[in-house]
Amino acid sequence: MQKLESRGLVLFNRNYRENDKLVKIFTEQAGKRMFFVRGGGAGKLSAVIQPLTIAEFMMTVNDEGLSFIEDYSQVESFKEITSDIFKLSYATYLAALTDATIADGVTDAQLFVFLEKTLELMEEGLDHEILTNIFEIQVLDRFGVRLNFHECVFCHRVGLPFDFSFKFSGLLCPNHYAEDERRSHLDPNVPYLLDRFQGLSFEELRSISVKDDMKRKLRYFIDDLYDNYVGIHLKSKKFIDNLNSWGHIMNKEDSAD
């Protein structure tokens, strides 16, 4: 048991017993922890246990079992995200993906800052789909997946119209397409963008602009990567996929208003 003060982001909460709640918080200093909140946050904690809330938490952290929130300050919420079903869906997926990325209790301050900054940029109005793609690509290594989207796996040449091979877990240049009859047949801009996504800084994120057709191609291929190399299937991701089929109806209704 230790007393700790750390910045944290609420990933989710759920009911526990009749009136209490369990709240999963990703903290900068102590990793992900599950907190017990008596009374379901009906008191002073109600403002700070909602998903996608960031605050400075004063905590009692236990290595085994549940931890406890003693107090908090500097509460921040993402009002633009939570008022938009599309942004909220993507932000919720990022929180769930983060939860799947590392084990509970493992400190990863770099991942915490990356998630926080991604949500801040989404709140500012940057493209939530592309921000999500960049996050997905940059956290692959935390699943033990390290892919090179920069050079051919055979001759190591760069700057060519590459395709991706699941057989060789890397890129093929035109001279080596024949090495894999089942290569992905990608638009060459897909591996080009993924190469950029792997090393983008936060400031560079502000200048990224991708057309809708390319977004669809990126989404399809990144889904293939996660299916083949990661193997997780999150409910929040399935919800995003369903947005493609009925989300346009909501957009039309908003336009009519």
Protein backbone atom coordinates (compact mmCIF):
# COMPACT_ATOMS: atom_id res chain seq x y z
CA MET A 1 0.00 0.00 0.00
CA GLN A 2 1.27 3.47 -0.86
CA LYS A 3 -0.04 7.01 -0.91
CA LEU A 4 0.46 8.55 -4.31
CA GLU A 5 -0.45 11.68 -6.23
CA SER A 6 -0.59 11.35 -10.00
CA ARG A 7 -2.32 12.63 -13.08
CA GLY A 8 -4.82 10.08 -14.35
CA LEU A 9 -7.42 9.47 -17.04
CA VAL A 10 -10.61 7.52 -16.40
CA LEU A 11 -10.87 4.65 -18.88
CA PHE A 12 -14.26 3.34 -17.74
CA ASN A 13 -16.45 2.66 -14.73
CA ARG A 14 -18.94 -0.06 -13.95
CA ASN A 15 -21.46 -0.84 -11.26
CA TYR A 16 -20.30 -2.99 -8.35
CA ARG A 17 -22.74 -4.59 -5.95
CA GLU A 18 -25.84 -2.46 -5.37
CA ASN A 19 -24.60 1.10 -4.99
CA ASP A 20 -20.86 1.14 -5.54
CA LYS A 21 -18.64 1.48 -8.59
CA LEU A 22 -15.35 0.16 -9.87
CA VAL A 23 -13.39 2.77 -11.81
CA LYS A 24 -10.43 1.92 -14.07
CA ILE A 25 -7.97 4.84 -14.16
CA PHE A 26 -4.79 5.02 -16.22
CA THR A 27 -2.37 6.95 -14.02
CA GLU A 28 0.87 8.48 -15.20
CA GLN A 29 2.84 7.32 -12.15
CA ALA A 30 1.30 3.93 -11.30
CA GLY A 31 -0.11 2.59 -14.56
CA LYS A 32 -3.67 1.26 -14.79
CA ARG A 33 -5.45 0.62 -11.53
CA MET A 34 -8.95 -0.39 -10.52
CA PHE A 35 -10.46 1.88 -7.86
CA PHE A 36 -13.33 1.17 -5.53
CA VAL A 37 -15.77 4.08 -5.11
CA ARG A 38 -18.32 3.62 -2.37
CA GLY A 39 -21.78 4.96 -3.13
CA GLY A 40 -21.15 5.06 -6.87
CA GLY A 41 -19.68 8.52 -6.78
CA ALA A 42 -22.90 10.16 -5.65
CA GLY A 43 -20.83 12.49 -3.50
CA LYS A 44 -17.79 14.60 -4.27
CA LEU A 45 -16.25 11.95 -6.55
CA SER A 46 -19.14 12.01 -9.03
CA ALA A 47 -17.47 14.68 -11.18
CA VAL A 48 -14.22 12.80 -11.51
CA ILE A 49 -15.11 9.16 -12.25
CA GLN A 50 -16.77 9.64 -15.64
CA PRO A 51 -14.96 8.09 -18.62
CA LEU A 52 -12.45 10.34 -20.41
CA THR A 53 -12.07 12.62 -17.40
CA ILE A 54 -8.54 13.72 -16.51
CA ALA A 55 -7.54 14.90 -13.04
CA GLU A 56 -4.76 15.03 -10.50
CA PHE A 57 -5.61 12.16 -8.15
CA MET A 58 -4.57 11.63 -4.54
CA MET A 59 -4.75 7.86 -4.14
CA THR A 60 -4.11 4.89 -1.95
CA VAL A 61 -2.63 2.34 -4.35
CA ASN A 62 -2.55 -1.35 -3.50
CA ASP A 63 -0.41 -3.82 -5.44
CA GLU A 64 -3.08 -6.45 -4.89
CA GLY A 65 -6.81 -5.85 -4.81
CA LEU A 66 -8.58 -2.53 -5.26
CA SER A 67 -7.16 0.95 -4.80
CA PHE A 68 -8.90 4.06 -3.45
CA ILE A 69 -9.31 7.70 -4.47
CA GLU A 70 -8.69 9.97 -1.49
CA ASP A 71 -9.06 13.34 -3.23
CA TYR A 72 -8.55 15.08 -6.56
CA SER A 73 -7.89 18.45 -8.21
CA GLN A 74 -7.45 20.04 -11.65
CA VAL A 75 -10.34 18.20 -13.29
CA GLU A 76 -10.47 18.37 -17.08
CA SER A 77 -13.06 16.95 -19.45
CA PHE A 78 -13.32 16.80 -23.23
CA LYS A 79 -16.57 18.65 -23.92
CA GLU A 80 -16.25 18.67 -27.71
CA ILE A 81 -15.57 14.94 -27.77
CA THR A 82 -18.36 13.95 -25.41
CA SER A 83 -20.93 16.05 -27.32
CA ASP A 84 -20.18 14.35 -30.65
CA ILE A 85 -21.13 10.68 -31.06
CA PHE A 86 -18.44 10.11 -33.69
CA LYS A 87 -15.56 11.66 -31.73
CA LEU A 88 -16.81 10.01 -28.53
CA SER A 89 -16.87 6.60 -30.19
CA TYR A 90 -13.29 6.94 -31.39
CA ALA A 91 -12.07 8.32 -28.05
CA THR A 92 -13.77 5.45 -26.21
CA TYR A 93 -12.03 3.01 -28.54
CA LEU A 94 -8.65 4.62 -27.83
CA ALA A 95 -9.29 4.23 -24.09
CA ALA A 96 -10.21 0.56 -24.57
CA LEU A 97 -7.19 -0.03 -26.80
CA THR A 98 -4.94 1.54 -24.17
CA ASP A 99 -6.47 -0.75 -21.55
CA ALA A 100 -5.62 -3.75 -23.75
CA THR A 101 -2.11 -2.52 -24.55
CA ILE A 102 -0.42 -2.91 -21.15
CA ALA A 103 -1.08 -4.94 -18.04
CA ASP A 104 -2.53 -3.36 -14.90
CA GLY A 105 0.06 -1.87 -12.59
CA VAL A 106 2.66 -1.37 -15.33
CA THR A 107 3.89 2.22 -15.41
CA ASP A 108 4.03 3.68 -18.91
CA ALA A 109 4.23 7.47 -18.66
CA GLN A 110 5.03 7.78 -22.36
CA LEU A 111 1.82 5.99 -23.34
CA PHE A 112 -0.16 8.10 -20.88
CA VAL A 113 1.14 11.33 -22.43
CA PHE A 114 0.52 9.98 -25.94
CA LEU A 115 -3.10 9.11 -25.14
CA GLU A 116 -3.69 12.44 -23.39
CA LYS A 117 -2.22 14.43 -26.27
CA THR A 118 -4.16 12.45 -28.88
CA LEU A 119 -7.41 13.23 -27.05
CA GLU A 120 -6.46 16.90 -26.74
CA LEU A 121 -5.89 17.12 -30.50
CA MET A 122 -9.19 15.37 -31.11
CA GLU A 123 -10.83 17.90 -28.80
CA GLU A 124 -9.27 20.71 -30.85
CA GLY A 125 -10.96 19.37 -33.97
CA LEU A 126 -8.21 17.40 -35.69
CA ASP A 127 -9.36 14.41 -37.72
CA HIS A 128 -10.43 11.76 -35.20
CA GLU A 129 -10.09 8.91 -37.72
CA ILE A 130 -6.50 9.75 -38.64
CA LEU A 131 -5.54 10.40 -35.01
CA THR A 132 -6.90 6.94 -34.20
CA ASN A 133 -4.93 5.36 -37.05
CA ILE A 134 -1.72 7.01 -35.84
CA PHE A 135 -2.36 5.83 -32.27
CA GLU A 136 -3.04 2.28 -33.47
CA ILE A 137 0.18 2.14 -35.47
CA GLN A 138 2.36 3.64 -32.75
CA VAL A 139 1.14 1.26 -30.02
CA LEU A 140 1.69 -1.90 -32.07
CA ASP A 141 5.14 -2.36 -30.53
CA ARG A 142 3.54 -2.64 -27.09
CA PHE A 143 1.81 -5.76 -28.37
CA GLY A 144 5.21 -7.05 -29.44
CA VAL A 145 4.56 -6.20 -33.11
CA ARG A 146 7.40 -4.37 -34.84
CA LEU A 147 6.80 -3.69 -38.52
CA ASN A 148 9.02 -1.74 -40.90
CA PHE A 149 7.02 0.38 -43.36
CA HIS A 150 10.10 2.16 -44.66
CA GLU A 151 12.06 -0.28 -46.81
CA CYS A 152 11.86 -3.51 -48.77
CA VAL A 153 12.48 -6.58 -46.60
CA PHE A 154 14.74 -8.07 -49.31
CA CYS A 155 16.82 -5.29 -50.83
CA HIS A 156 16.17 -2.51 -48.27
CA ARG A 157 15.50 0.07 -50.96
CA VAL A 158 13.32 3.02 -49.94
CA GLY A 159 10.98 5.50 -51.64
CA LEU A 160 9.31 2.98 -53.97
CA PRO A 161 5.66 1.93 -54.59
CA PHE A 162 5.67 -0.74 -51.89
CA ASP A 163 3.20 -3.50 -51.11
CA PHE A 164 2.86 -5.41 -47.83
CA SER A 165 3.50 -9.11 -47.33
CA PHE A 166 2.03 -10.90 -44.31
CA LYS A 167 4.22 -13.86 -45.28
CA PHE A 168 7.38 -11.82 -44.69
CA SER A 169 5.87 -9.29 -42.24
CA GLY A 170 7.15 -6.34 -44.22
CA LEU A 171 7.25 -4.41 -47.45
CA LEU A 172 8.01 -5.66 -50.93
CA CYS A 173 9.36 -3.38 -53.65
CA PRO A 174 8.30 -3.93 -57.29
CA ASN A 175 11.37 -6.10 -57.90
CA HIS A 176 10.24 -8.48 -55.17
CA TYR A 177 6.45 -8.53 -55.55
CA ALA A 178 6.76 -12.06 -56.95
CA GLU A 179 8.16 -13.35 -53.65
CA ASP A 180 4.61 -13.44 -52.28
CA GLU A 181 1.75 -14.37 -54.58
CA ARG A 182 -0.67 -13.41 -51.80
CA ARG A 183 0.74 -9.94 -51.16
CA SER A 184 -1.79 -7.33 -50.05
CA HIS A 185 -2.04 -5.36 -53.33
CA LEU A 186 -2.17 -2.09 -51.43
CA ASP A 187 -2.42 1.39 -52.79
CA PRO A 188 1.27 2.45 -52.42
CA ASN A 189 0.12 5.50 -50.45
CA VAL A 190 -1.01 3.22 -47.60
CA PRO A 191 2.49 2.00 -46.59
CA TYR A 192 3.81 5.51 -47.30
CA LEU A 193 1.37 7.00 -44.78
CA LEU A 194 1.97 4.24 -42.24
CA ASP A 195 5.69 4.95 -42.46
CA ARG A 196 4.94 8.58 -41.67
CA PHE A 197 2.52 7.64 -38.88
CA GLN A 198 5.21 5.61 -37.10
CA GLY A 199 7.38 8.67 -36.51
CA LEU A 200 5.07 11.68 -36.46
CA SER A 201 5.52 14.26 -33.73
CA PHE A 202 2.55 15.99 -32.10
CA GLU A 203 3.18 19.20 -34.00
CA GLU A 204 3.27 17.32 -37.31
CA LEU A 205 -0.11 15.79 -36.50
CA ARG A 206 -1.69 19.22 -36.94
CA SER A 207 -0.75 19.29 -40.63
CA ILE A 208 -1.96 15.82 -41.62
CA SER A 209 -4.79 15.79 -44.17
CA VAL A 210 -6.10 12.58 -45.75
CA LYS A 211 -8.94 12.15 -48.25
CA ASP A 212 -11.92 9.93 -47.44
CA ASP A 213 -11.02 7.24 -49.97
CA MET A 214 -7.56 6.89 -48.47
CA LYS A 215 -9.04 6.80 -44.96
CA ARG A 216 -11.08 3.77 -45.97
CA LYS A 217 -8.00 2.04 -47.36
CA LEU A 218 -6.04 2.79 -44.19
CA ARG A 219 -8.87 1.52 -42.01
CA TYR A 220 -9.15 -1.73 -43.94
CA PHE A 221 -5.42 -2.45 -43.83
CA ILE A 222 -4.93 -1.50 -40.17
CA ASP A 223 -7.81 -3.83 -39.32
CA ASP A 224 -5.93 -6.56 -41.22
CA LEU A 225 -2.78 -5.82 -39.21
CA TYR A 226 -4.61 -6.08 -35.90
CA ASP A 227 -6.44 -9.26 -36.95
CA ASN A 228 -3.21 -10.96 -38.05
CA TYR A 229 -0.73 -9.72 -35.46
CA VAL A 230 -2.66 -8.61 -32.35
CA GLY A 231 -5.87 -10.62 -32.33
CA ILE A 232 -7.98 -8.46 -30.03
CA HIS A 233 -11.64 -7.69 -30.76
CA LEU A 234 -12.94 -4.75 -28.74
CA LYS A 235 -16.63 -3.89 -28.44
CA SER A 236 -15.80 -0.22 -28.91
CA LYS A 237 -14.11 -1.00 -32.22
CA LYS A 238 -17.15 -2.95 -33.42
CA PHE A 239 -19.29 0.08 -32.56
CA ILE A 240 -17.05 2.28 -34.72
CA ASP A 241 -17.37 -0.18 -37.59
CA ASN A 242 -21.15 0.03 -37.30
CA LEU A 243 -20.98 3.82 -37.54
CA ASN A 244 -20.07 3.38 -41.19
CA SER A 245 -23.46 1.81 -41.88
CA TRP A 246 -25.76 4.09 -39.93
CA GLY A 247 -23.70 7.15 -39.00
CA HIS A 248 -24.46 8.94 -42.28
CA ILE A 249 -28.15 8.94 -41.34
CA MET A 250 -27.38 11.00 -38.23
CA ASN A 251 -25.33 13.42 -40.28
CA LYS A 252 -28.23 13.96 -42.65
CA GLU A 253 -30.59 14.59 -39.75
CA ASP A 254 -28.18 17.12 -38.22
CA SER A 255 -27.93 18.91 -41.57
CA ALA A 256 -31.72 19.05 -41.85
CA ASP A 257 -31.95 20.72 -38.43
